């Protein structure tokens, strides 16, 4: 192995970190597609015990799913839209003449809100958009509609569209990383195979 410059070393570390982040997803998807554990081991060099552990793990990298998933997204969104105007409460003690502020949808596009979501580490940690899938629109709609007190109706639509766009962008990014990792693994495998023959 040759000496690397600092930049090359950091690129390799980033590729290695990305590979580890998506490795489990790739193994699960390959196994579901019919690739045997032995073939996965032969192609990747991942230990068979690790492959067994990954396949037994319910879904550590499958994004936001399971019981309480909608509540997690709703809780995140409640914090994210803190400060957005909300519909006034009509319950006893609510404001009779609320101070009306303009809806967020009158100031921002779904794409702009999606950019803000993607810039949030908390949103990225939810992993709504994995390389395998994004959540169905009904899931996102239910999470947004569960916000209390609810934002203005026009802002609900804005937020639903923005979350969908951000999840799709996150999925595209994950797929690009997975493709890059696949190329690195394939090249590495070819190099190893060539060195064994030589």
N, C-alpha and C. Protein backbone atom coordinates (compact mmCIF):
# COMPACT_ATOMS: atom_id res chain seq x y z
N UNK A 1 0.85 -1.17 0.00
CA UNK A 1 0.00 0.00 0.00
C UNK A 1 0.89 1.23 0.00
N UNK A 2 0.52 2.20 -0.81
CA UNK A 2 1.31 3.43 -0.88
C UNK A 2 0.86 4.41 0.19
N UNK A 3 1.71 5.38 0.47
CA UNK A 3 1.34 6.42 1.43
C UNK A 3 0.30 7.33 0.80
N UNK A 4 -0.66 7.74 1.62
CA UNK A 4 -1.72 8.63 1.16
C UNK A 4 -1.44 10.04 1.63
N UNK A 5 -1.98 10.98 0.89
CA UNK A 5 -1.99 12.35 1.39
C UNK A 5 -3.12 12.42 2.42
N UNK A 6 -3.14 13.49 3.18
CA UNK A 6 -4.20 13.64 4.18
C UNK A 6 -5.57 13.63 3.52
N UNK A 7 -5.70 14.30 2.37
CA UNK A 7 -6.99 14.35 1.66
C UNK A 7 -7.42 12.96 1.22
N UNK A 8 -6.48 12.17 0.67
CA UNK A 8 -6.82 10.81 0.25
C UNK A 8 -7.23 9.95 1.44
N UNK A 9 -6.51 10.10 2.55
CA UNK A 9 -6.84 9.33 3.75
C UNK A 9 -8.24 9.67 4.25
N UNK A 10 -8.59 10.96 4.23
CA UNK A 10 -9.92 11.36 4.67
C UNK A 10 -11.01 10.84 3.73
N UNK A 11 -10.71 10.83 2.42
CA UNK A 11 -11.67 10.28 1.46
C UNK A 11 -11.89 8.79 1.71
N UNK A 12 -10.81 8.08 1.98
CA UNK A 12 -10.92 6.64 2.26
C UNK A 12 -11.72 6.39 3.54
N UNK A 13 -11.45 7.21 4.56
CA UNK A 13 -12.20 7.07 5.82
C UNK A 13 -13.69 7.35 5.60
N UNK A 14 -13.99 8.37 4.80
CA UNK A 14 -15.39 8.69 4.52
C UNK A 14 -16.06 7.55 3.75
N UNK A 15 -15.36 6.98 2.79
CA UNK A 15 -15.91 5.86 2.02
C UNK A 15 -16.13 4.65 2.92
N UNK A 16 -15.16 4.41 3.83
CA UNK A 16 -15.29 3.29 4.76
C UNK A 16 -16.48 3.49 5.70
N UNK A 17 -16.66 4.72 6.21
CA UNK A 17 -17.78 5.01 7.10
C UNK A 17 -19.10 4.84 6.36
N UNK A 18 -19.17 5.33 5.11
CA UNK A 18 -20.40 5.18 4.31
C UNK A 18 -20.68 3.71 4.04
N UNK A 19 -19.63 2.95 3.76
CA UNK A 19 -19.80 1.52 3.50
C UNK A 19 -20.38 0.82 4.72
N UNK A 20 -19.87 1.13 5.90
CA UNK A 20 -20.38 0.51 7.11
C UNK A 20 -21.81 0.93 7.40
N UNK A 21 -22.14 2.19 7.09
CA UNK A 21 -23.49 2.69 7.35
C UNK A 21 -24.52 1.94 6.51
N UNK A 22 -24.19 1.63 5.25
CA UNK A 22 -25.16 1.02 4.35
C UNK A 22 -24.95 -0.48 4.15
N UNK A 23 -23.88 -1.02 4.72
CA UNK A 23 -23.57 -2.44 4.53
C UNK A 23 -24.74 -3.33 4.93
N UNK A 24 -25.33 -3.08 6.10
CA UNK A 24 -26.40 -3.94 6.58
C UNK A 24 -27.61 -3.89 5.64
N UNK A 25 -27.93 -2.69 5.14
CA UNK A 25 -29.04 -2.55 4.19
C UNK A 25 -28.78 -3.38 2.94
N UNK A 26 -27.55 -3.31 2.43
CA UNK A 26 -27.20 -4.02 1.21
C UNK A 26 -27.29 -5.53 1.43
N UNK A 27 -26.78 -6.00 2.56
CA UNK A 27 -26.83 -7.44 2.86
C UNK A 27 -28.27 -7.91 2.93
N UNK A 28 -29.13 -7.17 3.63
CA UNK A 28 -30.54 -7.57 3.76
C UNK A 28 -31.24 -7.58 2.41
N UNK A 29 -30.99 -6.54 1.61
CA UNK A 29 -31.64 -6.45 0.30
C UNK A 29 -31.17 -7.59 -0.61
N UNK A 30 -29.88 -7.89 -0.58
CA UNK A 30 -29.34 -8.97 -1.42
C UNK A 30 -29.93 -10.31 -1.00
N UNK A 31 -30.03 -10.53 0.32
CA UNK A 31 -30.58 -11.79 0.81
C UNK A 31 -32.06 -11.93 0.42
N UNK A 32 -32.81 -10.83 0.56
CA UNK A 32 -34.23 -10.85 0.16
C UNK A 32 -34.37 -11.09 -1.34
N UNK A 33 -33.38 -10.64 -2.12
CA UNK A 33 -33.42 -10.82 -3.57
C UNK A 33 -33.02 -12.24 -3.98
N UNK A 34 -32.58 -13.06 -3.01
CA UNK A 34 -32.26 -14.44 -3.32
C UNK A 34 -30.79 -14.79 -3.33
N UNK A 35 -29.93 -13.83 -3.00
CA UNK A 35 -28.50 -14.13 -2.93
C UNK A 35 -28.25 -14.90 -1.63
N UNK A 36 -27.55 -16.02 -1.74
CA UNK A 36 -27.32 -16.85 -0.55
C UNK A 36 -26.31 -16.20 0.39
N UNK A 37 -26.33 -16.64 1.65
CA UNK A 37 -25.38 -16.12 2.63
C UNK A 37 -23.94 -16.43 2.20
N UNK A 38 -23.75 -17.61 1.64
CA UNK A 38 -22.40 -18.00 1.20
C UNK A 38 -21.91 -17.08 0.08
N UNK A 39 -22.80 -16.75 -0.83
CA UNK A 39 -22.42 -15.86 -1.95
C UNK A 39 -22.15 -14.45 -1.43
N UNK A 40 -22.96 -13.98 -0.49
CA UNK A 40 -22.73 -12.66 0.10
C UNK A 40 -21.35 -12.64 0.76
N UNK A 41 -21.04 -13.68 1.50
CA UNK A 41 -19.73 -13.79 2.15
C UNK A 41 -18.60 -13.77 1.11
N UNK A 42 -18.77 -14.58 0.06
CA UNK A 42 -17.72 -14.68 -0.97
C UNK A 42 -17.52 -13.34 -1.69
N UNK A 43 -18.58 -12.62 -1.94
CA UNK A 43 -18.46 -11.37 -2.70
C UNK A 43 -17.98 -10.20 -1.85
N UNK A 44 -18.34 -10.21 -0.57
CA UNK A 44 -18.04 -9.03 0.27
C UNK A 44 -16.91 -9.25 1.25
N UNK A 45 -16.67 -10.51 1.60
CA UNK A 45 -15.67 -10.78 2.63
C UNK A 45 -16.20 -10.56 4.04
N UNK A 46 -17.48 -10.23 4.17
CA UNK A 46 -18.09 -10.05 5.49
C UNK A 46 -18.22 -11.43 6.14
N UNK A 47 -17.83 -11.52 7.40
CA UNK A 47 -17.87 -12.80 8.11
C UNK A 47 -19.29 -13.36 8.13
N UNK A 48 -19.37 -14.68 8.06
CA UNK A 48 -20.69 -15.33 8.06
C UNK A 48 -21.46 -15.06 9.34
N UNK A 49 -20.76 -14.97 10.45
CA UNK A 49 -21.43 -14.66 11.72
C UNK A 49 -22.02 -13.25 11.69
N UNK A 50 -21.31 -12.33 11.03
CA UNK A 50 -21.82 -10.96 10.90
C UNK A 50 -23.04 -10.94 9.99
N UNK A 51 -23.00 -11.71 8.91
CA UNK A 51 -24.14 -11.80 8.00
C UNK A 51 -25.35 -12.35 8.75
N UNK A 52 -25.15 -13.40 9.54
CA UNK A 52 -26.25 -13.96 10.35
C UNK A 52 -26.82 -12.91 11.30
N UNK A 53 -25.93 -12.16 11.96
CA UNK A 53 -26.39 -11.14 12.91
C UNK A 53 -27.20 -10.06 12.19
N UNK A 54 -26.71 -9.63 11.03
CA UNK A 54 -27.40 -8.58 10.26
C UNK A 54 -28.78 -9.06 9.84
N UNK A 55 -28.88 -10.29 9.38
CA UNK A 55 -30.16 -10.82 8.89
C UNK A 55 -31.13 -11.09 10.03
N UNK A 56 -30.64 -11.30 11.25
CA UNK A 56 -31.53 -11.49 12.40
C UNK A 56 -31.97 -10.17 13.00
N UNK A 57 -31.20 -9.10 12.75
CA UNK A 57 -31.52 -7.78 13.29
C UNK A 57 -32.77 -7.27 12.59
N UNK A 58 -33.81 -6.87 13.35
CA UNK A 58 -35.07 -6.51 12.73
C UNK A 58 -34.97 -5.42 11.66
N UNK A 59 -34.27 -4.34 11.92
CA UNK A 59 -34.13 -3.29 10.92
C UNK A 59 -33.45 -2.07 11.47
N UNK A 60 -32.18 -2.16 11.85
CA UNK A 60 -31.56 -1.00 12.44
C UNK A 60 -31.36 0.14 11.46
N UNK A 61 -31.31 -0.15 10.17
CA UNK A 61 -31.04 0.89 9.19
C UNK A 61 -32.17 1.05 8.19
N UNK A 62 -33.34 0.57 8.53
CA UNK A 62 -34.44 0.63 7.57
C UNK A 62 -35.21 1.93 7.65
N UNK A 63 -34.70 2.89 8.35
CA UNK A 63 -35.40 4.15 8.45
C UNK A 63 -36.45 4.10 9.53
N UNK A 64 -37.25 5.12 9.58
CA UNK A 64 -38.28 5.25 10.60
C UNK A 64 -39.39 4.28 10.31
N UNK A 65 -39.60 3.29 11.18
CA UNK A 65 -40.66 2.32 10.98
C UNK A 65 -41.03 1.70 12.31
N UNK A 66 -42.11 0.95 12.29
CA UNK A 66 -42.54 0.25 13.48
C UNK A 66 -43.45 1.09 14.36
N UNK A 67 -43.86 0.48 15.49
CA UNK A 67 -44.76 1.18 16.39
C UNK A 67 -44.13 2.47 16.90
N UNK A 68 -44.93 3.50 16.94
CA UNK A 68 -44.43 4.77 17.44
C UNK A 68 -43.68 5.60 16.41
N UNK A 69 -43.51 5.08 15.20
CA UNK A 69 -42.75 5.79 14.18
C UNK A 69 -43.42 7.11 13.82
N UNK A 70 -44.74 7.06 13.65
CA UNK A 70 -45.45 8.29 13.31
C UNK A 70 -45.31 9.32 14.43
N UNK A 71 -45.36 8.83 15.67
CA UNK A 71 -45.21 9.74 16.81
C UNK A 71 -43.82 10.38 16.83
N UNK A 72 -42.79 9.61 16.44
CA UNK A 72 -41.43 10.16 16.37
C UNK A 72 -41.36 11.28 15.36
N UNK A 73 -41.94 11.05 14.18
CA UNK A 73 -41.92 12.07 13.15
C UNK A 73 -42.74 13.29 13.58
N UNK A 74 -43.89 13.06 14.20
CA UNK A 74 -44.72 14.17 14.67
C UNK A 74 -43.97 14.98 15.72
N UNK A 75 -43.29 14.31 16.65
CA UNK A 75 -42.54 15.01 17.69
C UNK A 75 -41.43 15.86 17.07
N UNK A 76 -40.72 15.30 16.09
CA UNK A 76 -39.68 16.08 15.41
C UNK A 76 -40.30 17.30 14.73
N UNK A 77 -41.40 17.09 14.00
CA UNK A 77 -42.02 18.19 13.26
C UNK A 77 -42.56 19.27 14.19
N UNK A 78 -43.07 18.86 15.37
CA UNK A 78 -43.55 19.84 16.34
C UNK A 78 -42.43 20.79 16.74
N UNK A 79 -41.25 20.24 16.94
CA UNK A 79 -40.10 21.09 17.27
C UNK A 79 -39.65 21.90 16.06
N UNK A 80 -39.67 21.27 14.88
CA UNK A 80 -39.21 21.93 13.67
C UNK A 80 -40.06 23.17 13.35
N UNK A 81 -41.37 23.06 13.56
CA UNK A 81 -42.24 24.19 13.21
C UNK A 81 -42.54 25.09 14.41
N UNK A 82 -41.79 24.93 15.47
CA UNK A 82 -41.96 25.82 16.61
C UNK A 82 -41.79 27.26 16.12
N UNK A 83 -42.76 28.07 16.35
CA UNK A 83 -42.71 29.44 15.85
C UNK A 83 -43.57 29.66 14.61
N UNK A 84 -43.99 28.59 13.95
CA UNK A 84 -44.92 28.75 12.83
C UNK A 84 -46.27 29.15 13.42
N UNK A 85 -47.05 29.93 12.70
CA UNK A 85 -48.39 30.25 13.20
C UNK A 85 -49.26 28.99 13.24
N UNK A 86 -50.06 28.90 14.27
CA UNK A 86 -50.94 27.74 14.44
C UNK A 86 -52.39 28.21 14.43
N UNK A 87 -53.28 27.27 14.15
CA UNK A 87 -54.69 27.60 14.20
C UNK A 87 -55.07 27.89 15.64
N UNK A 88 -55.85 28.95 15.87
CA UNK A 88 -56.20 29.29 17.25
C UNK A 88 -57.14 28.25 17.85
N UNK A 89 -56.98 28.06 19.13
CA UNK A 89 -57.83 27.13 19.86
C UNK A 89 -59.19 27.78 20.07
N UNK A 90 -60.25 27.02 19.84
CA UNK A 90 -61.59 27.54 20.09
C UNK A 90 -62.10 27.07 21.43
N UNK A 91 -61.28 26.28 22.13
CA UNK A 91 -61.69 25.79 23.44
C UNK A 91 -61.75 26.94 24.43
N UNK A 92 -62.35 26.70 25.55
CA UNK A 92 -62.49 27.72 26.58
C UNK A 92 -61.11 28.26 26.94
N UNK A 93 -61.02 29.55 26.99
CA UNK A 93 -59.74 30.16 27.31
C UNK A 93 -58.90 30.46 26.08
N UNK A 94 -59.35 30.01 24.91
CA UNK A 94 -58.59 30.28 23.69
C UNK A 94 -58.75 31.73 23.28
N UNK A 95 -57.91 32.16 22.38
CA UNK A 95 -57.97 33.55 21.93
C UNK A 95 -59.19 33.75 21.05
N UNK A 96 -59.97 34.77 21.37
CA UNK A 96 -61.13 35.08 20.54
C UNK A 96 -60.71 35.83 19.29
N UNK A 97 -59.74 36.70 19.44
CA UNK A 97 -59.25 37.49 18.32
C UNK A 97 -57.74 37.29 18.20
N UNK A 98 -57.34 36.16 17.64
CA UNK A 98 -55.91 35.88 17.60
C UNK A 98 -55.17 36.87 16.71
N UNK A 99 -53.94 37.10 17.06
CA UNK A 99 -53.08 37.94 16.24
C UNK A 99 -52.67 37.09 15.04
N UNK A 100 -53.20 37.42 13.86
CA UNK A 100 -52.96 36.60 12.67
C UNK A 100 -51.60 36.92 12.07
N UNK A 101 -50.80 35.90 11.89
CA UNK A 101 -49.52 36.04 11.19
C UNK A 101 -49.66 35.34 9.86
N UNK A 102 -48.89 35.76 8.87
CA UNK A 102 -49.02 35.11 7.55
C UNK A 102 -48.57 33.64 7.64
N UNK A 103 -49.22 32.83 6.84
CA UNK A 103 -48.86 31.42 6.77
C UNK A 103 -47.44 31.28 6.22
N UNK A 104 -46.75 30.25 6.66
CA UNK A 104 -45.39 29.98 6.20
C UNK A 104 -45.40 29.70 4.69
N UNK A 105 -46.48 29.08 4.21
CA UNK A 105 -46.59 28.75 2.79
C UNK A 105 -46.61 30.00 1.92
N UNK A 106 -46.92 31.14 2.50
CA UNK A 106 -46.90 32.39 1.74
C UNK A 106 -45.48 32.95 1.65
N UNK A 107 -44.55 32.37 2.40
CA UNK A 107 -43.19 32.88 2.45
C UNK A 107 -42.15 31.92 1.87
N UNK A 108 -42.45 30.60 1.90
CA UNK A 108 -41.49 29.58 1.49
C UNK A 108 -42.13 28.55 0.58
N UNK A 109 -41.31 27.92 -0.25
CA UNK A 109 -41.77 26.83 -1.11
C UNK A 109 -41.49 25.50 -0.42
N UNK A 110 -42.12 24.43 -0.86
CA UNK A 110 -41.80 23.11 -0.29
C UNK A 110 -40.32 22.76 -0.44
N UNK A 111 -39.72 23.16 -1.56
CA UNK A 111 -38.30 22.88 -1.79
C UNK A 111 -37.42 23.59 -0.75
N UNK A 112 -37.77 24.81 -0.40
CA UNK A 112 -36.99 25.55 0.60
C UNK A 112 -37.13 24.90 1.98
N UNK A 113 -38.33 24.48 2.32
CA UNK A 113 -38.54 23.81 3.62
C UNK A 113 -37.82 22.46 3.61
N UNK A 114 -37.85 21.75 2.47
CA UNK A 114 -37.14 20.46 2.37
C UNK A 114 -35.65 20.66 2.60
N UNK A 115 -35.08 21.74 2.07
CA UNK A 115 -33.66 22.04 2.30
C UNK A 115 -33.39 22.25 3.79
N UNK A 116 -34.29 22.95 4.46
CA UNK A 116 -34.13 23.17 5.90
C UNK A 116 -34.19 21.84 6.66
N UNK A 117 -35.11 20.97 6.24
CA UNK A 117 -35.22 19.66 6.88
C UNK A 117 -33.92 18.87 6.70
N UNK A 118 -33.40 18.85 5.48
CA UNK A 118 -32.18 18.10 5.19
C UNK A 118 -30.97 18.65 5.92
N UNK A 119 -31.01 19.93 6.26
CA UNK A 119 -29.91 20.54 7.01
C UNK A 119 -29.97 20.20 8.49
N UNK A 120 -31.09 19.62 8.93
CA UNK A 120 -31.27 19.28 10.33
C UNK A 120 -30.71 17.88 10.62
N UNK A 121 -29.80 17.80 11.56
CA UNK A 121 -29.24 16.49 11.95
C UNK A 121 -30.33 15.59 12.53
N UNK A 122 -31.28 16.18 13.23
CA UNK A 122 -32.37 15.39 13.82
C UNK A 122 -33.24 14.77 12.73
N UNK A 123 -33.48 15.50 11.65
CA UNK A 123 -34.25 14.93 10.54
C UNK A 123 -33.47 13.81 9.88
N UNK A 124 -32.19 14.05 9.62
CA UNK A 124 -31.37 13.04 8.96
C UNK A 124 -31.31 11.76 9.81
N UNK A 125 -31.31 11.92 11.13
CA UNK A 125 -31.26 10.76 12.03
C UNK A 125 -32.54 9.91 11.93
N UNK A 126 -33.65 10.52 11.54
CA UNK A 126 -34.89 9.75 11.37
C UNK A 126 -34.78 8.78 10.20
N UNK A 127 -33.91 9.09 9.25
CA UNK A 127 -33.66 8.26 8.07
C UNK A 127 -34.96 7.88 7.35
N UNK A 128 -35.75 8.89 7.05
CA UNK A 128 -36.99 8.64 6.31
C UNK A 128 -36.70 8.08 4.93
N UNK A 129 -35.67 8.59 4.28
CA UNK A 129 -35.33 8.14 2.94
C UNK A 129 -34.10 7.26 2.96
N UNK A 130 -34.31 5.95 3.03
CA UNK A 130 -33.18 5.02 2.93
C UNK A 130 -33.02 4.66 1.46
N UNK A 131 -31.95 3.97 1.13
CA UNK A 131 -31.75 3.62 -0.29
C UNK A 131 -32.79 2.60 -0.74
N UNK A 132 -33.43 1.93 0.22
CA UNK A 132 -34.45 0.94 -0.14
C UNK A 132 -35.82 1.57 -0.37
N UNK A 133 -36.16 2.59 0.42
CA UNK A 133 -37.52 3.11 0.32
C UNK A 133 -37.66 4.47 0.99
N UNK A 134 -38.81 5.07 0.74
CA UNK A 134 -39.24 6.24 1.48
C UNK A 134 -40.63 5.90 2.04
N UNK A 135 -41.05 6.59 3.11
CA UNK A 135 -42.36 6.24 3.66
C UNK A 135 -43.49 6.63 2.72
N UNK A 136 -44.59 5.92 2.85
CA UNK A 136 -45.75 6.22 2.02
C UNK A 136 -46.31 7.59 2.39
N UNK A 137 -46.96 8.22 1.45
CA UNK A 137 -47.53 9.54 1.67
C UNK A 137 -48.52 9.58 2.82
N UNK A 138 -49.25 8.48 3.01
CA UNK A 138 -50.24 8.43 4.09
C UNK A 138 -49.56 8.53 5.45
N UNK A 139 -48.40 7.91 5.58
CA UNK A 139 -47.64 7.95 6.84
C UNK A 139 -47.24 9.39 7.16
N UNK A 140 -46.69 10.08 6.17
CA UNK A 140 -46.25 11.47 6.36
C UNK A 140 -47.45 12.36 6.65
N UNK A 141 -48.53 12.18 5.89
CA UNK A 141 -49.73 12.98 6.10
C UNK A 141 -50.27 12.79 7.51
N UNK A 142 -50.32 11.54 7.98
CA UNK A 142 -50.83 11.27 9.33
C UNK A 142 -49.95 11.92 10.39
N UNK A 143 -48.63 11.88 10.19
CA UNK A 143 -47.71 12.49 11.15
C UNK A 143 -47.90 14.00 11.21
N UNK A 144 -48.07 14.63 10.05
CA UNK A 144 -48.25 16.09 10.01
C UNK A 144 -49.61 16.47 10.58
N UNK A 145 -50.64 15.71 10.24
CA UNK A 145 -51.99 16.03 10.73
C UNK A 145 -52.13 15.81 12.23
N UNK A 146 -51.20 15.08 12.84
CA UNK A 146 -51.25 14.84 14.29
C UNK A 146 -50.65 16.00 15.09
N UNK A 147 -50.09 17.01 14.40
CA UNK A 147 -49.51 18.15 15.10
C UNK A 147 -50.60 18.89 15.88
N UNK A 148 -50.27 19.26 17.10
CA UNK A 148 -51.25 19.97 17.92
C UNK A 148 -50.57 21.11 18.67
N UNK A 149 -51.14 22.30 18.67
CA UNK A 149 -52.25 22.71 17.80
C UNK A 149 -51.79 22.70 16.35
N UNK A 150 -52.72 22.45 15.44
CA UNK A 150 -52.32 22.32 14.04
C UNK A 150 -51.92 23.65 13.43
N UNK A 151 -50.98 23.60 12.48
CA UNK A 151 -50.67 24.82 11.72
C UNK A 151 -51.84 25.15 10.80
N UNK A 152 -51.75 26.26 10.11
CA UNK A 152 -52.78 26.60 9.14
C UNK A 152 -52.84 25.51 8.08
N UNK A 153 -54.02 25.31 7.50
CA UNK A 153 -54.21 24.24 6.50
C UNK A 153 -53.21 24.36 5.36
N UNK A 154 -52.95 25.56 4.90
CA UNK A 154 -52.01 25.76 3.80
C UNK A 154 -50.59 25.34 4.21
N UNK A 155 -50.26 25.53 5.49
CA UNK A 155 -48.94 25.13 5.98
C UNK A 155 -48.85 23.62 6.19
N UNK A 156 -49.98 22.98 6.48
CA UNK A 156 -49.99 21.52 6.57
C UNK A 156 -49.62 20.94 5.21
N UNK A 157 -50.24 21.45 4.15
CA UNK A 157 -49.91 20.98 2.79
C UNK A 157 -48.45 21.23 2.46
N UNK A 158 -47.96 22.42 2.82
CA UNK A 158 -46.56 22.76 2.58
C UNK A 158 -45.64 21.77 3.28
N UNK A 159 -45.91 21.48 4.54
CA UNK A 159 -45.06 20.59 5.32
C UNK A 159 -45.09 19.16 4.79
N UNK A 160 -46.26 18.68 4.41
CA UNK A 160 -46.36 17.33 3.83
C UNK A 160 -45.50 17.24 2.56
N UNK A 161 -45.66 18.22 1.67
CA UNK A 161 -44.87 18.22 0.43
C UNK A 161 -43.37 18.31 0.73
N UNK A 162 -43.00 19.15 1.70
CA UNK A 162 -41.58 19.33 2.03
C UNK A 162 -40.97 18.06 2.61
N UNK A 163 -41.70 17.38 3.49
CA UNK A 163 -41.17 16.13 4.09
C UNK A 163 -41.01 15.06 3.01
N UNK A 164 -41.97 14.97 2.10
CA UNK A 164 -41.85 14.01 0.99
C UNK A 164 -40.62 14.32 0.14
N UNK A 165 -40.43 15.59 -0.20
CA UNK A 165 -39.28 15.98 -1.00
C UNK A 165 -37.96 15.68 -0.28
N UNK A 166 -37.91 15.98 1.02
CA UNK A 166 -36.69 15.74 1.79
C UNK A 166 -36.39 14.24 1.89
N UNK A 167 -37.43 13.43 2.09
CA UNK A 167 -37.23 11.98 2.16
C UNK A 167 -36.73 11.44 0.82
N UNK A 168 -37.30 11.95 -0.28
CA UNK A 168 -36.85 11.51 -1.60
C UNK A 168 -35.40 11.93 -1.86
N UNK A 169 -35.05 13.14 -1.45
CA UNK A 169 -33.67 13.60 -1.62
C UNK A 169 -32.71 12.75 -0.78
N UNK A 170 -33.14 12.40 0.43
CA UNK A 170 -32.32 11.55 1.30
C UNK A 170 -32.14 10.17 0.66
N UNK A 171 -33.20 9.66 0.03
CA UNK A 171 -33.11 8.37 -0.64
C UNK A 171 -32.15 8.43 -1.83
N UNK A 172 -32.24 9.49 -2.64
CA UNK A 172 -31.31 9.63 -3.78
C UNK A 172 -29.87 9.65 -3.30
N UNK A 173 -29.62 10.39 -2.22
CA UNK A 173 -28.27 10.48 -1.66
C UNK A 173 -27.79 9.11 -1.19
N UNK A 174 -28.67 8.37 -0.51
CA UNK A 174 -28.31 7.04 -0.02
C UNK A 174 -28.02 6.09 -1.18
N UNK A 175 -28.81 6.18 -2.25
CA UNK A 175 -28.58 5.32 -3.41
C UNK A 175 -27.26 5.64 -4.10
N UNK A 176 -26.94 6.93 -4.20
CA UNK A 176 -25.67 7.32 -4.80
C UNK A 176 -24.51 6.78 -3.98
N UNK A 177 -24.61 6.85 -2.66
CA UNK A 177 -23.56 6.29 -1.80
C UNK A 177 -23.46 4.79 -1.98
N UNK A 178 -24.63 4.11 -2.05
CA UNK A 178 -24.62 2.66 -2.20
C UNK A 178 -23.99 2.25 -3.52
N UNK A 179 -24.28 2.98 -4.59
CA UNK A 179 -23.67 2.68 -5.89
C UNK A 179 -22.17 2.88 -5.82
N UNK A 180 -21.74 3.98 -5.21
CA UNK A 180 -20.30 4.24 -5.06
C UNK A 180 -19.62 3.15 -4.25
N UNK A 181 -20.28 2.73 -3.19
CA UNK A 181 -19.72 1.67 -2.35
C UNK A 181 -19.64 0.36 -3.13
N UNK A 182 -20.69 0.09 -3.93
CA UNK A 182 -20.68 -1.12 -4.75
C UNK A 182 -19.51 -1.13 -5.72
N UNK A 183 -19.21 0.02 -6.31
CA UNK A 183 -18.07 0.11 -7.22
C UNK A 183 -16.76 -0.12 -6.49
N UNK A 184 -16.63 0.48 -5.30
CA UNK A 184 -15.41 0.30 -4.51
C UNK A 184 -15.24 -1.17 -4.13
N UNK A 185 -16.33 -1.81 -3.71
CA UNK A 185 -16.26 -3.23 -3.32
C UNK A 185 -15.91 -4.09 -4.53
N UNK A 186 -16.52 -3.79 -5.69
CA UNK A 186 -16.23 -4.57 -6.90
C UNK A 186 -14.78 -4.42 -7.33
N UNK A 187 -14.28 -3.19 -7.30
CA UNK A 187 -12.88 -2.96 -7.68
C UNK A 187 -11.94 -3.64 -6.69
N UNK A 188 -12.28 -3.50 -5.40
CA UNK A 188 -11.46 -4.15 -4.37
C UNK A 188 -11.45 -5.66 -4.54
N UNK A 189 -12.62 -6.22 -4.84
CA UNK A 189 -12.70 -7.67 -5.07
C UNK A 189 -11.89 -8.11 -6.26
N UNK A 190 -11.92 -7.32 -7.33
CA UNK A 190 -11.15 -7.65 -8.53
C UNK A 190 -9.65 -7.58 -8.24
N UNK A 191 -9.25 -6.58 -7.47
CA UNK A 191 -7.83 -6.44 -7.11
C UNK A 191 -7.37 -7.63 -6.27
N UNK A 192 -8.19 -7.99 -5.28
CA UNK A 192 -7.85 -9.13 -4.41
C UNK A 192 -7.78 -10.43 -5.21
N UNK A 193 -8.78 -10.61 -6.10
CA UNK A 193 -8.78 -11.82 -6.92
C UNK A 193 -7.57 -11.86 -7.84
N UNK A 194 -7.20 -10.72 -8.40
CA UNK A 194 -6.04 -10.65 -9.27
C UNK A 194 -4.74 -10.92 -8.52
N UNK A 195 -4.67 -10.43 -7.28
CA UNK A 195 -3.45 -10.64 -6.50
C UNK A 195 -3.33 -12.10 -6.06
N UNK A 196 -4.45 -12.79 -5.90
CA UNK A 196 -4.40 -14.21 -5.50
C UNK A 196 -3.95 -15.09 -6.67
N UNK A 197 -4.31 -14.66 -7.88
CA UNK A 197 -3.93 -15.44 -9.05
C UNK A 197 -2.48 -15.20 -9.44
N UNK A 198 -1.97 -13.99 -9.08
CA UNK A 198 -0.61 -13.62 -9.49
C UNK A 198 0.42 -14.02 -8.54
